[in-house]
């Protein structure tokens, strides 16, 4: 029983990590914004990307 709880706990933690990475990627490309860009630095990265004008 403890092993099952441990496995589910690990799966939840793994899912949370994937969700965090997915959100950061979406914020970086400007698809979503939670209005809290200052804490993640995503807004600065996005502006820097626009300045360099990569194609």
Protein backbone atom coordinates (compact mmCIF):
# COMPACT_ATOMS: atom_id res chain seq x y z
CA UNK A 1 0.00 0.00 0.00
CA UNK A 2 2.82 2.39 0.81
CA UNK A 3 4.42 1.63 -2.56
CA UNK A 4 1.23 2.63 -4.38
CA UNK A 5 1.07 5.92 -2.47
CA UNK A 6 4.71 6.55 -3.25
CA UNK A 7 4.19 5.88 -6.96
CA UNK A 8 1.18 8.20 -7.15
CA UNK A 9 3.09 10.88 -5.27
CA UNK A 10 5.95 10.59 -7.74
CA UNK A 11 3.58 10.81 -10.70
CA UNK A 12 1.95 13.94 -9.29
CA UNK A 13 5.34 15.56 -8.74
CA UNK A 14 6.46 14.65 -12.26
CA UNK A 15 3.23 16.08 -13.70
CA UNK A 16 3.68 19.32 -11.77
CA UNK A 17 7.21 19.66 -13.13
CA UNK A 18 6.04 19.10 -16.71
CA UNK A 19 3.25 21.64 -16.24
CA UNK A 20 5.75 24.22 -14.97
CA UNK A 21 8.05 23.73 -17.97
CA UNK A 22 5.08 23.88 -20.36
CA UNK A 23 3.85 27.14 -18.81
CA UNK A 24 7.32 28.73 -19.00
CA UNK A 25 7.57 27.83 -22.69
CA UNK A 26 4.13 29.28 -23.43
CA UNK A 27 4.94 32.46 -21.51
CA UNK A 28 8.25 32.84 -23.33
CA UNK A 29 6.56 32.85 -26.72
CA UNK A 30 3.83 35.20 -25.48
CA UNK A 31 1.00 32.73 -25.92
CA UNK A 32 -0.09 33.13 -22.31
CA UNK A 33 0.65 35.62 -19.57
CA UNK A 34 -0.30 35.34 -15.93
CA UNK A 35 0.47 39.02 -15.31
CA UNK A 36 3.38 38.05 -13.10
CA UNK A 37 6.17 38.27 -15.66
CA UNK A 38 8.51 40.15 -13.34
CA UNK A 39 9.14 37.17 -11.09
CA UNK A 40 9.98 34.75 -13.89
CA UNK A 41 11.88 37.21 -16.07
CA UNK A 42 9.92 36.05 -19.09
CA UNK A 43 8.95 39.57 -20.12
CA UNK A 44 12.60 40.65 -20.31
CA UNK A 45 13.50 37.58 -22.35
CA UNK A 46 10.62 38.27 -24.73
CA UNK A 47 11.70 41.90 -25.22
CA UNK A 48 15.29 40.82 -25.80
CA UNK A 49 14.12 38.32 -28.39
CA UNK A 50 12.17 41.05 -30.22
CA UNK A 51 15.19 43.39 -30.22
CA UNK A 52 17.49 40.82 -31.82
CA UNK A 53 14.84 40.19 -34.50
CA UNK A 54 15.74 36.57 -35.16
CA UNK A 55 14.15 34.99 -38.21
